[in-house]
């Protein structure tokens, strides 16, 4: 196992950090953007950044809604809190599903297609004994 971290493990780490914390993602994603020469990882980081921004904005909305609602009388016994609670839980489920799907695609999807295209390129480069006439 001298290979170390492959592209698919790095992509999985990017999505995991995006799910866990914006700070962890900023460190890992920033490092990939600045230091990595692999375009696939940079594209994965950009997509993870967009998804992380979307869920951060949703979280900010819920924080504002909760803060404003807590200033009102009887907020925690009102229908607004029930709606907030349901939407918050549904958003958490969607967030988990989105990050898992993208992580699985990054881990399994691209690696298989890249391997197949590399094999196809090898076959195309092998000499067939025929010379092209120009």
N, C-alpha and C. Protein backbone atom coordinates (compact mmCIF):
# COMPACT_ATOMS: atom_id res chain seq x y z
N UNK A 1 0.83 -1.18 0.00
CA UNK A 1 0.00 0.00 0.00
C UNK A 1 0.88 1.25 0.00
N UNK A 2 1.84 1.31 -0.86
CA UNK A 2 2.71 2.47 -0.98
C UNK A 2 2.04 3.63 -1.69
N UNK A 3 0.88 3.38 -2.25
CA UNK A 3 0.17 4.36 -3.05
C UNK A 3 -0.32 5.54 -2.23
N UNK A 4 -0.66 5.34 -0.97
CA UNK A 4 -1.16 6.42 -0.14
C UNK A 4 -2.61 6.75 -0.46
N UNK A 5 -2.90 8.02 -0.47
CA UNK A 5 -4.26 8.50 -0.71
C UNK A 5 -4.52 8.57 -2.20
N UNK A 6 -5.49 7.79 -2.67
CA UNK A 6 -5.87 7.86 -4.06
C UNK A 6 -6.87 9.00 -4.26
N UNK A 7 -7.19 9.29 -5.51
CA UNK A 7 -8.13 10.37 -5.81
C UNK A 7 -9.50 10.10 -5.20
N UNK A 8 -9.93 8.86 -5.22
CA UNK A 8 -11.27 8.58 -4.70
C UNK A 8 -11.34 8.74 -3.19
N UNK A 9 -10.25 8.42 -2.47
CA UNK A 9 -10.24 8.62 -1.02
C UNK A 9 -10.18 10.11 -0.69
N UNK A 10 -9.44 10.86 -1.48
CA UNK A 10 -9.38 12.31 -1.28
C UNK A 10 -10.75 12.94 -1.53
N UNK A 11 -11.44 12.49 -2.58
CA UNK A 11 -12.77 13.01 -2.88
C UNK A 11 -13.75 12.67 -1.75
N UNK A 12 -13.64 11.47 -1.21
CA UNK A 12 -14.49 11.08 -0.09
C UNK A 12 -14.22 11.95 1.13
N UNK A 13 -12.95 12.26 1.39
CA UNK A 13 -12.59 13.13 2.50
C UNK A 13 -13.16 14.54 2.31
N UNK A 14 -13.15 15.03 1.09
CA UNK A 14 -13.71 16.35 0.81
C UNK A 14 -15.19 16.39 1.16
N UNK A 15 -15.94 15.38 0.73
CA UNK A 15 -17.39 15.36 1.01
C UNK A 15 -17.65 15.15 2.50
N UNK A 16 -16.85 14.33 3.16
CA UNK A 16 -17.02 14.12 4.59
C UNK A 16 -16.77 15.41 5.37
N UNK A 17 -15.73 16.12 5.02
CA UNK A 17 -15.44 17.40 5.70
C UNK A 17 -16.53 18.43 5.42
N UNK A 18 -17.07 18.43 4.21
CA UNK A 18 -18.17 19.33 3.89
C UNK A 18 -19.39 19.07 4.74
N UNK A 19 -19.66 17.79 5.01
CA UNK A 19 -20.80 17.45 5.86
C UNK A 19 -20.54 17.79 7.32
N UNK A 20 -19.36 17.50 7.80
CA UNK A 20 -19.08 17.65 9.22
C UNK A 20 -18.98 19.09 9.68
N UNK A 21 -18.24 19.92 8.92
CA UNK A 21 -17.98 21.27 9.40
C UNK A 21 -17.53 22.16 8.26
N UNK A 22 -17.98 23.39 8.29
CA UNK A 22 -17.54 24.36 7.28
C UNK A 22 -16.06 24.68 7.47
N UNK A 23 -15.58 24.64 8.70
CA UNK A 23 -14.16 24.93 8.98
C UNK A 23 -13.29 23.80 8.44
N UNK A 24 -13.69 22.55 8.70
CA UNK A 24 -12.93 21.41 8.19
C UNK A 24 -12.91 21.41 6.67
N UNK A 25 -14.06 21.75 6.08
CA UNK A 25 -14.11 21.81 4.62
C UNK A 25 -13.23 22.93 4.08
N UNK A 26 -13.21 24.06 4.76
CA UNK A 26 -12.37 25.18 4.32
C UNK A 26 -10.90 24.78 4.32
N UNK A 27 -10.48 24.04 5.33
CA UNK A 27 -9.09 23.60 5.39
C UNK A 27 -8.76 22.59 4.30
N UNK A 28 -9.58 21.55 4.21
CA UNK A 28 -9.31 20.49 3.24
C UNK A 28 -9.55 20.98 1.81
N UNK A 29 -10.69 21.63 1.59
CA UNK A 29 -11.00 22.12 0.25
C UNK A 29 -10.03 23.19 -0.21
N UNK A 30 -9.65 24.07 0.69
CA UNK A 30 -8.67 25.10 0.34
C UNK A 30 -7.33 24.50 -0.02
N UNK A 31 -6.93 23.49 0.70
CA UNK A 31 -5.67 22.82 0.39
C UNK A 31 -5.72 22.18 -0.99
N UNK A 32 -6.84 21.53 -1.29
CA UNK A 32 -6.99 20.87 -2.59
C UNK A 32 -6.97 21.91 -3.71
N UNK A 33 -7.68 23.01 -3.53
CA UNK A 33 -7.73 24.04 -4.58
C UNK A 33 -6.34 24.65 -4.81
N UNK A 34 -5.61 24.89 -3.74
CA UNK A 34 -4.31 25.56 -3.87
C UNK A 34 -3.20 24.60 -4.29
N UNK A 35 -3.13 23.43 -3.68
CA UNK A 35 -1.97 22.56 -3.87
C UNK A 35 -2.15 21.45 -4.89
N UNK A 36 -3.37 21.01 -5.13
CA UNK A 36 -3.57 19.85 -5.99
C UNK A 36 -3.47 20.23 -7.46
N UNK A 37 -2.94 19.32 -8.24
CA UNK A 37 -2.86 19.50 -9.68
C UNK A 37 -3.90 18.66 -10.41
N UNK A 38 -4.70 17.93 -9.68
CA UNK A 38 -5.70 17.04 -10.27
C UNK A 38 -7.00 17.80 -10.48
N UNK A 39 -7.41 17.94 -11.74
CA UNK A 39 -8.61 18.71 -12.07
C UNK A 39 -9.88 18.05 -11.53
N UNK A 40 -9.91 16.72 -11.46
CA UNK A 40 -11.09 16.03 -10.93
C UNK A 40 -11.33 16.40 -9.47
N UNK A 41 -10.26 16.47 -8.70
CA UNK A 41 -10.41 16.85 -7.29
C UNK A 41 -10.83 18.30 -7.14
N UNK A 42 -10.34 19.16 -8.00
CA UNK A 42 -10.74 20.57 -7.94
C UNK A 42 -12.22 20.72 -8.28
N UNK A 43 -12.70 19.95 -9.26
CA UNK A 43 -14.12 20.00 -9.61
C UNK A 43 -14.97 19.45 -8.47
N UNK A 44 -14.51 18.39 -7.84
CA UNK A 44 -15.22 17.82 -6.70
C UNK A 44 -15.28 18.83 -5.56
N UNK A 45 -14.18 19.52 -5.32
CA UNK A 45 -14.14 20.53 -4.26
C UNK A 45 -15.09 21.68 -4.56
N UNK A 46 -15.15 22.12 -5.80
CA UNK A 46 -16.05 23.22 -6.16
C UNK A 46 -17.51 22.81 -5.98
N UNK A 47 -17.84 21.59 -6.38
CA UNK A 47 -19.22 21.10 -6.21
C UNK A 47 -19.55 20.96 -4.73
N UNK A 48 -18.63 20.43 -3.95
CA UNK A 48 -18.85 20.29 -2.51
C UNK A 48 -18.99 21.67 -1.85
N UNK A 49 -18.25 22.65 -2.35
CA UNK A 49 -18.36 24.00 -1.83
C UNK A 49 -19.75 24.58 -2.08
N UNK A 50 -20.28 24.38 -3.27
CA UNK A 50 -21.62 24.88 -3.60
C UNK A 50 -22.67 24.21 -2.72
N UNK A 51 -22.58 22.89 -2.58
CA UNK A 51 -23.55 22.16 -1.75
C UNK A 51 -23.44 22.61 -0.29
N UNK A 52 -22.22 22.78 0.19
CA UNK A 52 -22.02 23.23 1.57
C UNK A 52 -22.58 24.64 1.77
N UNK A 53 -22.39 25.51 0.79
CA UNK A 53 -22.96 26.86 0.88
C UNK A 53 -24.48 26.83 0.93
N UNK A 54 -25.09 25.98 0.14
CA UNK A 54 -26.55 25.88 0.13
C UNK A 54 -27.07 25.45 1.50
N UNK A 55 -26.47 24.42 2.06
CA UNK A 55 -26.94 23.94 3.36
C UNK A 55 -26.56 24.92 4.49
N UNK A 56 -25.50 25.67 4.33
CA UNK A 56 -25.17 26.71 5.31
C UNK A 56 -26.20 27.83 5.27
N UNK A 57 -26.63 28.20 4.08
CA UNK A 57 -27.67 29.23 3.95
C UNK A 57 -28.99 28.76 4.55
N UNK A 58 -29.34 27.52 4.33
CA UNK A 58 -30.56 26.97 4.92
C UNK A 58 -30.46 26.98 6.44
N UNK A 59 -29.30 26.61 6.96
CA UNK A 59 -29.08 26.62 8.40
C UNK A 59 -29.17 28.03 8.97
N UNK A 60 -28.66 28.99 8.24
CA UNK A 60 -28.76 30.39 8.67
C UNK A 60 -30.22 30.83 8.74
N UNK A 61 -31.01 30.43 7.75
CA UNK A 61 -32.43 30.77 7.75
C UNK A 61 -33.12 30.19 8.99
N UNK A 62 -32.83 28.92 9.29
CA UNK A 62 -33.45 28.30 10.47
C UNK A 62 -33.02 28.99 11.76
N UNK A 63 -31.78 29.42 11.83
CA UNK A 63 -31.31 30.13 13.02
C UNK A 63 -32.03 31.46 13.20
N UNK A 64 -32.19 32.19 12.10
CA UNK A 64 -32.91 33.47 12.17
C UNK A 64 -34.37 33.24 12.55
N UNK A 65 -35.00 32.25 11.92
CA UNK A 65 -36.41 31.95 12.21
C UNK A 65 -36.59 31.57 13.67
N UNK A 66 -35.69 30.76 14.19
CA UNK A 66 -35.78 30.33 15.58
C UNK A 66 -35.53 31.50 16.52
N UNK A 67 -34.57 32.36 16.20
CA UNK A 67 -34.27 33.50 17.06
C UNK A 67 -35.44 34.49 17.10
N UNK A 68 -36.01 34.77 15.96
CA UNK A 68 -37.16 35.67 15.93
C UNK A 68 -38.35 35.05 16.65
N UNK A 69 -38.55 33.76 16.41
CA UNK A 69 -39.68 33.08 17.05
C UNK A 69 -39.54 32.99 18.55
N UNK A 70 -38.31 32.86 19.05
CA UNK A 70 -38.13 32.74 20.49
C UNK A 70 -38.40 34.06 21.22
N UNK A 71 -38.38 35.16 20.48
CA UNK A 71 -38.72 36.44 21.08
C UNK A 71 -40.23 36.61 21.26
N UNK A 72 -40.99 35.83 20.54
CA UNK A 72 -42.45 35.92 20.62
C UNK A 72 -42.96 35.14 21.84
N UNK A 73 -44.08 35.52 22.33
CA UNK A 73 -44.71 34.81 23.45
C UNK A 73 -45.29 33.49 22.94
N UNK A 74 -45.14 32.47 23.72
CA UNK A 74 -45.70 31.14 23.43
C UNK A 74 -45.20 30.56 22.10
N UNK A 75 -43.97 30.86 21.73
CA UNK A 75 -43.43 30.36 20.46
C UNK A 75 -43.32 28.83 20.48
N UNK A 76 -42.85 28.28 21.58
CA UNK A 76 -42.61 26.85 21.64
C UNK A 76 -43.88 26.03 21.75
N UNK A 77 -45.01 26.67 21.98
CA UNK A 77 -46.28 25.94 22.00
C UNK A 77 -47.13 26.31 20.78
N UNK A 78 -46.55 27.02 19.82
CA UNK A 78 -47.33 27.47 18.66
C UNK A 78 -47.12 26.54 17.47
N UNK A 79 -47.92 26.78 16.45
CA UNK A 79 -47.81 26.02 15.21
C UNK A 79 -46.55 26.37 14.45
N UNK A 80 -46.05 27.59 14.61
CA UNK A 80 -44.82 28.01 13.92
C UNK A 80 -43.63 27.16 14.36
N UNK A 81 -43.57 26.85 15.64
CA UNK A 81 -42.47 26.01 16.13
C UNK A 81 -42.60 24.59 15.58
N UNK A 82 -43.82 24.10 15.48
CA UNK A 82 -44.03 22.76 14.92
C UNK A 82 -43.56 22.70 13.47
N UNK A 83 -43.90 23.74 12.70
CA UNK A 83 -43.46 23.80 11.30
C UNK A 83 -41.94 23.89 11.24
N UNK A 84 -41.34 24.74 12.07
CA UNK A 84 -39.89 24.87 12.12
C UNK A 84 -39.23 23.53 12.43
N UNK A 85 -39.75 22.84 13.42
CA UNK A 85 -39.18 21.57 13.85
C UNK A 85 -39.24 20.53 12.73
N UNK A 86 -40.39 20.44 12.06
CA UNK A 86 -40.54 19.47 10.98
C UNK A 86 -39.61 19.81 9.82
N UNK A 87 -39.57 21.08 9.41
CA UNK A 87 -38.71 21.48 8.30
C UNK A 87 -37.23 21.29 8.63
N UNK A 88 -36.87 21.55 9.88
CA UNK A 88 -35.49 21.36 10.31
C UNK A 88 -35.08 19.88 10.22
N UNK A 89 -35.94 19.01 10.68
CA UNK A 89 -35.64 17.58 10.64
C UNK A 89 -35.59 17.05 9.20
N UNK A 90 -36.52 17.50 8.37
CA UNK A 90 -36.52 17.09 6.96
C UNK A 90 -35.25 17.58 6.26
N UNK A 91 -34.84 18.79 6.57
CA UNK A 91 -33.61 19.33 5.99
C UNK A 91 -32.39 18.52 6.42
N UNK A 92 -32.35 18.09 7.66
CA UNK A 92 -31.24 17.25 8.12
C UNK A 92 -31.19 15.93 7.37
N UNK A 93 -32.35 15.33 7.14
CA UNK A 93 -32.40 14.06 6.40
C UNK A 93 -31.94 14.28 4.95
N UNK A 94 -32.41 15.36 4.33
CA UNK A 94 -32.00 15.67 2.96
C UNK A 94 -30.50 15.94 2.90
N UNK A 95 -29.97 16.64 3.87
CA UNK A 95 -28.54 16.95 3.90
C UNK A 95 -27.71 15.67 3.96
N UNK A 96 -28.10 14.77 4.83
CA UNK A 96 -27.38 13.50 4.94
C UNK A 96 -27.46 12.74 3.62
N UNK A 97 -28.64 12.67 3.03
CA UNK A 97 -28.81 11.95 1.78
C UNK A 97 -27.97 12.55 0.66
N UNK A 98 -27.96 13.87 0.56
CA UNK A 98 -27.20 14.54 -0.51
C UNK A 98 -25.71 14.27 -0.36
N UNK A 99 -25.19 14.43 0.84
CA UNK A 99 -23.75 14.20 1.04
C UNK A 99 -23.38 12.73 0.82
N UNK A 100 -24.23 11.82 1.24
CA UNK A 100 -23.93 10.40 1.03
C UNK A 100 -23.94 10.07 -0.46
N UNK A 101 -24.93 10.57 -1.18
CA UNK A 101 -25.01 10.29 -2.62
C UNK A 101 -23.79 10.85 -3.35
N UNK A 102 -23.44 12.10 -3.08
CA UNK A 102 -22.27 12.68 -3.74
C UNK A 102 -20.97 11.98 -3.34
N UNK A 103 -20.86 11.57 -2.09
CA UNK A 103 -19.66 10.86 -1.65
C UNK A 103 -19.55 9.50 -2.33
N UNK A 104 -20.66 8.80 -2.46
CA UNK A 104 -20.65 7.50 -3.14
C UNK A 104 -20.30 7.67 -4.62
N UNK A 105 -20.88 8.69 -5.25
CA UNK A 105 -20.57 8.95 -6.66
C UNK A 105 -19.09 9.29 -6.82
N UNK A 106 -18.56 10.11 -5.93
CA UNK A 106 -17.14 10.48 -6.00
C UNK A 106 -16.24 9.28 -5.74
N UNK A 107 -16.66 8.40 -4.85
CA UNK A 107 -15.82 7.26 -4.48
C UNK A 107 -15.87 6.15 -5.52
N UNK A 108 -17.06 5.84 -6.01
CA UNK A 108 -17.20 4.69 -6.92
C UNK A 108 -17.38 5.09 -8.38
N UNK A 109 -18.12 6.14 -8.64
CA UNK A 109 -18.51 6.47 -10.01
C UNK A 109 -17.38 6.84 -10.93
N UNK A 110 -16.59 7.81 -10.58
CA UNK A 110 -15.55 8.30 -11.46
C UNK A 110 -14.40 7.32 -11.62
N UNK A 111 -14.10 6.59 -10.57
CA UNK A 111 -12.97 5.67 -10.62
C UNK A 111 -13.20 4.58 -11.65
N UNK A 112 -14.39 4.03 -11.69
CA UNK A 112 -14.69 2.97 -12.65
C UNK A 112 -14.62 3.46 -14.07
N UNK A 113 -15.19 4.63 -14.35
CA UNK A 113 -15.18 5.16 -15.71
C UNK A 113 -13.78 5.59 -16.12
N UNK A 114 -12.98 6.10 -15.19
CA UNK A 114 -11.61 6.48 -15.50
C UNK A 114 -10.77 5.25 -15.81
N UNK A 115 -11.02 4.18 -15.08
CA UNK A 115 -10.29 2.94 -15.32
C UNK A 115 -10.62 2.39 -16.70
N UNK A 116 -11.89 2.43 -17.07
CA UNK A 116 -12.30 1.93 -18.38
C UNK A 116 -11.73 2.78 -19.50
N UNK A 117 -11.71 4.09 -19.34
CA UNK A 117 -11.17 4.95 -20.38
C UNK A 117 -9.66 4.78 -20.51
N UNK A 118 -8.98 4.50 -19.39
CA UNK A 118 -7.54 4.25 -19.44
C UNK A 118 -7.25 2.96 -20.20
N UNK A 119 -8.07 1.94 -19.99
CA UNK A 119 -7.89 0.69 -20.72
C UNK A 119 -8.16 0.90 -22.21
N UNK A 120 -9.17 1.69 -22.53
CA UNK A 120 -9.49 1.95 -23.92
C UNK A 120 -8.35 2.72 -24.58
N UNK A 121 -7.75 3.67 -23.87
CA UNK A 121 -6.65 4.44 -24.41
C UNK A 121 -5.45 3.54 -24.65
N UNK A 122 -5.20 2.59 -23.74
CA UNK A 122 -4.10 1.66 -23.93
C UNK A 122 -4.29 0.84 -25.19
N UNK A 123 -5.52 0.37 -25.41
CA UNK A 123 -5.81 -0.43 -26.60
C UNK A 123 -5.63 0.39 -27.87
N UNK A 124 -5.99 1.67 -27.82
CA UNK A 124 -5.86 2.53 -28.99
C UNK A 124 -4.39 2.82 -29.31
N UNK A 125 -3.53 2.82 -28.30
CA UNK A 125 -2.12 3.14 -28.51
C UNK A 125 -1.29 1.94 -28.91
N UNK A 126 -1.80 0.73 -28.77
CA UNK A 126 -1.01 -0.45 -29.12
C UNK A 126 -0.90 -0.54 -30.62
N UNK A 127 0.29 -0.88 -31.09
CA UNK A 127 0.49 -0.97 -32.54
C UNK A 127 -0.27 -2.19 -33.09
N UNK A 128 -0.90 -1.97 -34.23
CA UNK A 128 -1.68 -3.06 -34.84
C UNK A 128 -0.95 -3.66 -36.04
N UNK A 129 0.17 -3.10 -36.38
CA UNK A 129 0.91 -3.62 -37.50
C UNK A 129 0.55 -2.91 -38.80
N UNK A 130 -0.48 -2.09 -38.77
CA UNK A 130 -0.90 -1.36 -39.96
C UNK A 130 -0.34 0.05 -39.87
N UNK A 131 0.19 0.53 -40.96
CA UNK A 131 0.70 1.88 -41.00
C UNK A 131 -0.31 2.76 -41.70
N UNK A 132 -0.49 3.93 -41.20
CA UNK A 132 -1.45 4.83 -41.86
C UNK A 132 -0.78 5.49 -43.05
N UNK A 133 -1.52 5.64 -44.11
CA UNK A 133 -1.03 6.25 -45.33
C UNK A 133 -1.54 7.65 -45.41
N UNK A 134 -0.64 8.60 -45.64
CA UNK A 134 -1.07 10.00 -45.71
C UNK A 134 -0.83 10.54 -47.08
